[in-house]
Amino acid sequence: MINQLRKYFVNRIRDSVDRIPCEIRRKKAAEIIRSHHPLVLMYHSVVPHYSGEAYTVSTATVEQNIVDRLEHGS
């Protein structure tokens, strides 16, 4: 189950990142490598659909957070 969940999230993140124009991805990757400060996002609980519970976000929110950070900086 954990491996399936990991694969699901990795694929969703890849799909989200693939939507970002290539020149922005290259620029952000170069900035992260130069600064030696990788982007780390932490969540208490990620669920497929937001349920209104405290400290819980949906997978769509996580994807949007990643896209926002890559496009506009962290």
PDB file of N, CA and C in Angstrom:
ATOM      1  N   MET A   1       0.826  -1.200   0.000  1.00  0.00           N
ATOM      2  CA  MET A   1       0.000   0.000   0.000  1.00  0.00           C
ATOM      3  C   MET A   1       0.862   1.254   0.000  1.00  0.00           C
ATOM      4  N   ILE A   2       1.917   1.290   0.819  1.00  0.00           N
ATOM      5  CA  ILE A   2       2.790   2.460   0.889  1.00  0.00           C
ATOM      6  C   ILE A   2       3.471   2.693  -0.456  1.00  0.00           C
ATOM      7  N   ASN A   3       3.957   1.626  -1.093  1.00  0.00           N
ATOM      8  CA  ASN A   3       4.610   1.777  -2.391  1.00  0.00           C
ATOM      9  C   ASN A   3       3.649   2.273  -3.453  1.00  0.00           C
ATOM     10  N   GLN A   4       2.410   1.822  -3.419  1.00  0.00           N
ATOM     11  CA  GLN A   4       1.411   2.296  -4.365  1.00  0.00           C
ATOM     12  C   GLN A   4       1.112   3.774  -4.137  1.00  0.00           C
ATOM     13  N   LEU A   5       1.014   4.172  -2.886  1.00  0.00           N
ATOM     14  CA  LEU A   5       0.761   5.573  -2.555  1.00  0.00           C
ATOM     15  C   LEU A   5       1.938   6.435  -2.989  1.00  0.00           C
ATOM     16  N   ARG A   6       3.143   5.975  -2.715  1.00  0.00           N
ATOM     17  CA  ARG A   6       4.344   6.712  -3.123  1.00  0.00           C
ATOM     18  C   ARG A   6       4.363   6.887  -4.642  1.00  0.00           C
ATOM     19  N   LYS A   7       4.097   5.811  -5.377  1.00  0.00           N
ATOM     20  CA  LYS A   7       4.089   5.870  -6.838  1.00  0.00           C
ATOM     21  C   LYS A   7       3.011   6.841  -7.328  1.00  0.00           C
ATOM     22  N   TYR A   8       1.849   6.821  -6.694  1.00  0.00           N
ATOM     23  CA  TYR A   8       0.766   7.729  -7.059  1.00  0.00           C
ATOM     24  C   TYR A   8       1.206   9.186  -6.923  1.00  0.00           C
ATOM     25  N   PHE A   9       1.798   9.524  -5.763  1.00  0.00           N
ATOM     26  CA  PHE A   9       2.211  10.906  -5.531  1.00  0.00           C
ATOM     27  C   PHE A   9       3.350  11.321  -6.453  1.00  0.00           C
ATOM     28  N   VAL A  10       4.296  10.439  -6.673  1.00  0.00           N
ATOM     29  CA  VAL A  10       5.400  10.767  -7.584  1.00  0.00           C
ATOM     30  C   VAL A  10       4.864  11.042  -8.979  1.00  0.00           C
ATOM     31  N   ASN A  11       3.950  10.221  -9.444  1.00  0.00           N
ATOM     32  CA  ASN A  11       3.374  10.434 -10.776  1.00  0.00           C
ATOM     33  C   ASN A  11       2.569  11.718 -10.848  1.00  0.00           C
ATOM     34  N   ARG A  12       1.800  12.015  -9.810  1.00  0.00           N
ATOM     35  CA  ARG A  12       1.022  13.259  -9.796  1.00  0.00           C
ATOM     36  C   ARG A  12       1.936  14.480  -9.781  1.00  0.00           C
ATOM     37  N   ILE A  13       3.019  14.426  -9.008  1.00  0.00           N
ATOM     38  CA  ILE A  13       3.971  15.535  -8.956  1.00  0.00           C
ATOM     39  C   ILE A  13       4.637  15.704 -10.318  1.00  0.00           C
ATOM     40  N   ARG A  14       5.054  14.608 -10.925  1.00  0.00           N
ATOM     41  CA  ARG A  14       5.666  14.696 -12.259  1.00  0.00           C
ATOM     42  C   ARG A  14       4.706  15.315 -13.260  1.00  0.00           C
ATOM     43  N   ASP A  15       3.453  14.890 -13.229  1.00  0.00           N
ATOM     44  CA  ASP A  15       2.458  15.458 -14.138  1.00  0.00           C
ATOM     45  C   ASP A  15       2.301  16.961 -13.919  1.00  0.00           C
ATOM     46  N   SER A  16       2.296  17.382 -12.658  1.00  0.00           N
ATOM     47  CA  SER A  16       2.151  18.807 -12.343  1.00  0.00           C
ATOM     48  C   SER A  16       3.354  19.598 -12.825  1.00  0.00           C
ATOM     49  N   VAL A  17       4.537  19.066 -12.573  1.00  0.00           N
ATOM     50  CA  VAL A  17       5.763  19.755 -12.975  1.00  0.00           C
ATOM     51  C   VAL A  17       5.850  19.818 -14.491  1.00  0.00           C
ATOM     52  N   ASP A  18       5.386  18.783 -15.177  1.00  0.00           N
ATOM     53  CA  ASP A  18       5.442  18.765 -16.637  1.00  0.00           C
ATOM     54  C   ASP A  18       4.599  19.875 -17.261  1.00  0.00           C
ATOM     55  N   ARG A  19       3.625  20.391 -16.537  1.00  0.00           N
ATOM     56  CA  ARG A  19       2.785  21.475 -17.055  1.00  0.00           C
ATOM     57  C   ARG A  19       3.504  22.828 -17.043  1.00  0.00           C
ATOM     58  N   ILE A  20       4.591  22.911 -16.296  1.00  0.00           N
ATOM     59  CA  ILE A  20       5.344  24.163 -16.194  1.00  0.00           C
ATOM     60  C   ILE A  20       6.245  24.280 -17.423  1.00  0.00           C
ATOM     61  N   PRO A  21       6.304  25.460 -18.040  1.00  0.00           N
ATOM     62  CA  PRO A  21       7.176  25.620 -19.208  1.00  0.00           C
ATOM     63  C   PRO A  21       8.616  25.207 -18.898  1.00  0.00           C
ATOM     64  N   CYS A  22       9.253  24.594 -19.864  1.00  0.00           N
ATOM     65  CA  CYS A  22      10.587  24.017 -19.689  1.00  0.00           C
ATOM     66  C   CYS A  22      11.602  25.045 -19.198  1.00  0.00           C
ATOM     67  N   GLU A  23      11.566  26.271 -19.718  1.00  0.00           N
ATOM     68  CA  GLU A  23      12.561  27.266 -19.317  1.00  0.00           C
ATOM     69  C   GLU A  23      12.426  27.638 -17.841  1.00  0.00           C
ATOM     70  N   ILE A  24      11.213  27.624 -17.309  1.00  0.00           N
ATOM     71  CA  ILE A  24      11.011  27.906 -15.887  1.00  0.00           C
ATOM     72  C   ILE A  24      11.538  26.751 -15.045  1.00  0.00           C
ATOM     73  N   ARG A  25      11.274  25.513 -15.482  1.00  0.00           N
ATOM     74  CA  ARG A  25      11.779  24.348 -14.747  1.00  0.00           C
ATOM     75  C   ARG A  25      13.300  24.360 -14.685  1.00  0.00           C
ATOM     76  N   ARG A  26      13.942  24.625 -15.813  1.00  0.00           N
ATOM     77  CA  ARG A  26      15.411  24.651 -15.838  1.00  0.00           C
ATOM     78  C   ARG A  26      15.951  25.751 -14.933  1.00  0.00           C
ATOM     79  N   LYS A  27      15.335  26.927 -14.986  1.00  0.00           N
ATOM     80  CA  LYS A  27      15.787  28.056 -14.167  1.00  0.00           C
ATOM     81  C   LYS A  27      15.661  27.722 -12.682  1.00  0.00           C
ATOM     82  N   LYS A  28      14.517  27.191 -12.272  1.00  0.00           N
ATOM     83  CA  LYS A  28      14.318  26.861 -10.857  1.00  0.00           C
ATOM     84  C   LYS A  28      15.265  25.760 -10.409  1.00  0.00           C
ATOM     85  N   ALA A  29      15.463  24.752 -11.248  1.00  0.00           N
ATOM     86  CA  ALA A  29      16.384  23.672 -10.887  1.00  0.00           C
ATOM     87  C   ALA A  29      17.788  24.227 -10.694  1.00  0.00           C
ATOM     88  N   ALA A  30      18.207  25.112 -11.581  1.00  0.00           N
ATOM     89  CA  ALA A  30      19.543  25.703 -11.464  1.00  0.00           C
ATOM     90  C   ALA A  30      19.653  26.537 -10.193  1.00  0.00           C
ATOM     91  N   GLU A  31      18.609  27.293  -9.864  1.00  0.00           N
ATOM     92  CA  GLU A  31      18.622  28.105  -8.644  1.00  0.00           C
ATOM     93  C   GLU A  31      18.725  27.222  -7.396  1.00  0.00           C
ATOM     94  N   ILE A  32      17.978  26.142  -7.371  1.00  0.00           N
ATOM     95  CA  ILE A  32      17.993  25.240  -6.217  1.00  0.00           C
ATOM     96  C   ILE A  32      19.373  24.605  -6.066  1.00  0.00           C
ATOM     97  N   ILE A  33      19.953  24.177  -7.182  1.00  0.00           N
ATOM     98  CA  ILE A  33      21.272  23.553  -7.122  1.00  0.00           C
ATOM     99  C   ILE A  33      22.317  24.564  -6.648  1.00  0.00           C
ATOM    100  N   ARG A  34      22.269  25.777  -7.184  1.00  0.00           N
ATOM    101  CA  ARG A  34      23.245  26.804  -6.787  1.00  0.00           C
ATOM    102  C   ARG A  34      23.113  27.172  -5.325  1.00  0.00           C
ATOM    103  N   SER A  35      21.899  27.272  -4.843  1.00  0.00           N
ATOM    104  CA  SER A  35      21.683  27.722  -3.468  1.00  0.00           C
ATOM    105  C   SER A  35      21.865  26.595  -2.452  1.00  0.00           C
ATOM    106  N   HIS A  36      21.857  25.343  -2.914  1.00  0.00           N
ATOM    107  CA  HIS A  36      21.987  24.180  -2.033  1.00  0.00           C
ATOM    108  C   HIS A  36      20.859  24.133  -0.996  1.00  0.00           C
ATOM    109  N   HIS A  37      19.739  24.723  -1.335  1.00  0.00           N
ATOM    110  CA  HIS A  37      18.580  24.698  -0.449  1.00  0.00           C
ATOM    111  C   HIS A  37      17.419  24.071  -1.217  1.00  0.00           C
ATOM    112  N   PRO A  38      17.270  22.766  -1.127  1.00  0.00           N
ATOM    113  CA  PRO A  38      16.172  22.135  -1.863  1.00  0.00           C
ATOM    114  C   PRO A  38      14.814  22.562  -1.306  1.00  0.00           C
ATOM    115  N   LEU A  39      13.846  22.527  -2.175  1.00  0.00           N
ATOM    116  CA  LEU A  39      12.481  22.833  -1.784  1.00  0.00           C
ATOM    117  C   LEU A  39      11.907  21.662  -1.001  1.00  0.00           C
ATOM    118  N   VAL A  40      11.426  21.939   0.201  1.00  0.00           N
ATOM    119  CA  VAL A  40      10.822  20.905   1.030  1.00  0.00           C
ATOM    120  C   VAL A  40       9.447  21.403   1.468  1.00  0.00           C
ATOM    121  N   LEU A  41       8.431  20.653   1.146  1.00  0.00           N
ATOM    122  CA  LEU A  41       7.074  20.964   1.584  1.00  0.00           C
ATOM    123  C   LEU A  41       6.643  19.877   2.550  1.00  0.00           C
ATOM    124  N   MET A  42       6.043  20.279   3.646  1.00  0.00           N
ATOM    125  CA  MET A  42       5.617  19.301   4.655  1.00  0.00           C
ATOM    126  C   MET A  42       4.131  19.483   4.941  1.00  0.00           C
ATOM    127  N   TYR A  43       3.448  18.377   5.041  1.00  0.00           N
ATOM    128  CA  TYR A  43       2.018  18.389   5.317  1.00  0.00           C
ATOM    129  C   TYR A  43       1.726  17.364   6.411  1.00  0.00           C
ATOM    130  N   HIS A  44       0.731  17.639   7.230  1.00  0.00           N
ATOM    131  CA  HIS A  44       0.336  16.681   8.251  1.00  0.00           C
ATOM    132  C   HIS A  44      -0.412  15.507   7.628  1.00  0.00           C
ATOM    133  N   SER A  45      -1.330  15.837   6.729  1.00  0.00           N
ATOM    134  CA  SER A  45      -2.130  14.784   6.119  1.00  0.00           C
ATOM    135  C   SER A  45      -2.573  15.229   4.726  1.00  0.00           C
ATOM    136  N   VAL A  46      -2.377  14.344   3.747  1.00  0.00           N
ATOM    137  CA  VAL A  46      -2.794  14.613   2.367  1.00  0.00           C
ATOM    138  C   VAL A  46      -3.804  13.533   1.989  1.00  0.00           C
ATOM    139  N   VAL A  47      -4.956  13.968   1.530  1.00  0.00           N
ATOM    140  CA  VAL A  47      -6.026  13.037   1.157  1.00  0.00           C
ATOM    141  C   VAL A  47      -6.478  13.344  -0.269  1.00  0.00           C
ATOM    142  N   PRO A  48      -7.072  12.369  -0.956  1.00  0.00           N
ATOM    143  CA  PRO A  48      -7.509  12.613  -2.333  1.00  0.00           C
ATOM    144  C   PRO A  48      -8.494  13.777  -2.462  1.00  0.00           C
ATOM    145  N   HIS A  49      -9.396  13.910  -1.503  1.00  0.00           N
ATOM    146  CA  HIS A  49     -10.396  14.982  -1.558  1.00  0.00           C
ATOM    147  C   HIS A  49     -10.460  15.652  -0.193  1.00  0.00           C
ATOM    148  N   TYR A  50     -10.381  16.979  -0.184  1.00  0.00           N
ATOM    149  CA  TYR A  50     -10.395  17.725   1.076  1.00  0.00           C
ATOM    150  C   TYR A  50     -11.681  17.446   1.840  1.00  0.00           C
ATOM    151  N   SER A  51     -11.538  17.109   3.117  1.00  0.00           N
ATOM    152  CA  SER A  51     -12.702  16.724   3.924  1.00  0.00           C
ATOM    153  C   SER A  51     -13.063  17.769   4.977  1.00  0.00           C
ATOM    154  N   GLY A  52     -12.305  18.856   5.051  1.00  0.00           N
ATOM    155  CA  GLY A  52     -12.600  19.891   6.029  1.00  0.00           C
ATOM    156  C   GLY A  52     -11.940  19.669   7.372  1.00  0.00           C
ATOM    157  N   GLU A  53     -11.199  18.579   7.508  1.00  0.00           N
ATOM    158  CA  GLU A  53     -10.529  18.296   8.771  1.00  0.00           C
ATOM    159  C   GLU A  53      -9.313  19.206   8.942  1.00  0.00           C
ATOM    160  N   ALA A  54      -9.008  19.527  10.185  1.00  0.00           N
ATOM    161  CA  ALA A  54      -7.844  20.364  10.477  1.00  0.00           C
ATOM    162  C   ALA A  54      -6.566  19.657  10.031  1.00  0.00           C
ATOM    163  N   TYR A  55      -5.597  20.441   9.568  1.00  0.00           N
ATOM    164  CA  TYR A  55      -4.282  19.941   9.172  1.00  0.00           C
ATOM    165  C   TYR A  55      -4.342  18.952   8.014  1.00  0.00           C
ATOM    166  N   THR A  56      -5.369  19.047   7.193  1.00  0.00           N
ATOM    167  CA  THR A  56      -5.529  18.148   6.061  1.00  0.00           C
ATOM    168  C   THR A  56      -5.637  18.960   4.781  1.00  0.00           C
ATOM    169  N   VAL A  57      -4.946  18.517   3.738  1.00  0.00           N
ATOM    170  CA  VAL A  57      -5.050  19.150   2.426  1.00  0.00           C
ATOM    171  C   VAL A  57      -5.308  18.074   1.380  1.00  0.00           C
ATOM    172  N   SER A  58      -5.812  18.498   0.244  1.00  0.00           N
ATOM    173  CA  SER A  58      -6.082  17.554  -0.838  1.00  0.00           C
ATOM    174  C   SER A  58      -4.842  17.405  -1.714  1.00  0.00           C
ATOM    175  N   THR A  59      -4.824  16.337  -2.510  1.00  0.00           N
ATOM    176  CA  THR A  59      -3.710  16.142  -3.434  1.00  0.00           C
ATOM    177  C   THR A  59      -3.651  17.284  -4.441  1.00  0.00           C
ATOM    178  N   ALA A  60      -4.795  17.819  -4.828  1.00  0.00           N
ATOM    179  CA  ALA A  60      -4.816  18.951  -5.765  1.00  0.00           C
ATOM    180  C   ALA A  60      -4.137  20.174  -5.158  1.00  0.00           C
ATOM    181  N   THR A  61      -4.317  20.397  -3.858  1.00  0.00           N
ATOM    182  CA  THR A  61      -3.669  21.513  -3.177  1.00  0.00           C
ATOM    183  C   THR A  61      -2.165  21.323  -3.153  1.00  0.00           C
ATOM    184  N   VAL A  62      -1.716  20.111  -2.889  1.00  0.00           N
ATOM    185  CA  VAL A  62      -0.277  19.825  -2.878  1.00  0.00           C
ATOM    186  C   VAL A  62       0.303  20.089  -4.268  1.00  0.00           C
ATOM    187  N   GLU A  63      -0.372  19.594  -5.292  1.00  0.00           N
ATOM    188  CA  GLU A  63       0.090  19.824  -6.660  1.00  0.00           C
ATOM    189  C   GLU A  63       0.187  21.319  -6.955  1.00  0.00           C
ATOM    190  N   GLN A  64      -0.831  22.070  -6.571  1.00  0.00           N
ATOM    191  CA  GLN A  64      -0.831  23.506  -6.835  1.00  0.00           C
ATOM    192  C   GLN A  64       0.279  24.204  -6.052  1.00  0.00           C
ATOM    193  N   ASN A  65       0.535  23.768  -4.830  1.00  0.00           N
ATOM    194  CA  ASN A  65       1.642  24.336  -4.049  1.00  0.00           C
ATOM    195  C   ASN A  65       2.972  24.129  -4.760  1.00  0.00           C
ATOM    196  N   ILE A  66       3.185  22.951  -5.298  1.00  0.00           N
ATOM    197  CA  ILE A  66       4.428  22.653  -6.004  1.00  0.00           C
ATOM    198  C   ILE A  66       4.559  23.522  -7.245  1.00  0.00           C
ATOM    199  N   VAL A  67       3.493  23.601  -8.019  1.00  0.00           N
ATOM    200  CA  VAL A  67       3.519  24.434  -9.224  1.00  0.00           C
ATOM    201  C   VAL A  67       3.782  25.893  -8.868  1.00  0.00           C
ATOM    202  N   ASP A  68       3.115  26.403  -7.846  1.00  0.00           N
ATOM    203  CA  ASP A  68       3.311  27.794  -7.410  1.00  0.00           C
ATOM    204  C   ASP A  68       4.759  28.050  -6.992  1.00  0.00           C
ATOM    205  N   ARG A  69       5.331  27.139  -6.230  1.00  0.00           N
ATOM    206  CA  ARG A  69       6.709  27.320  -5.759  1.00  0.00           C
ATOM    207  C   ARG A  69       7.687  27.306  -6.914  1.00  0.00           C
ATOM    208  N   LEU A  70       7.454  26.422  -7.877  1.00  0.00           N
ATOM    209  CA  LEU A  70       8.351  26.338  -9.022  1.00  0.00           C
ATOM    210  C   LEU A  70       8.213  27.565  -9.927  1.00  0.00           C
ATOM    211  N   GLU A  71       7.002  28.065 -10.079  1.00  0.00           N
ATOM    212  CA  GLU A  71       6.785  29.221 -10.954  1.00  0.00           C
ATOM    213  C   GLU A  71       7.211  30.529 -10.323  1.00  0.00           C
ATOM    214  N   HIS A  72       6.944  30.675  -9.031  1.00  0.00           N
ATOM    215  CA  HIS A  72       7.132  31.991  -8.377  1.00  0.00           C
ATOM    216  C   HIS A  72       8.199  31.991  -7.296  1.00  0.00           C
ATOM    217  N   GLY A  73       8.880  30.907  -7.098  1.00  0.00           N
ATOM    218  CA  GLY A  73       9.914  30.850  -6.070  1.00  0.00           C
ATOM    219  C   GLY A  73       9.323  30.420  -4.754  1.00  0.00           C
ATOM    220  N   SER A  74      10.209  30.015  -3.863  1.00  0.00           N
ATOM    221  CA  SER A  74       9.731  29.505  -2.582  1.00  0.00           C
ATOM    222  C   SER A  74       9.876  30.521  -1.489  1.00  0.00           C
TER     223      SER A  74
END
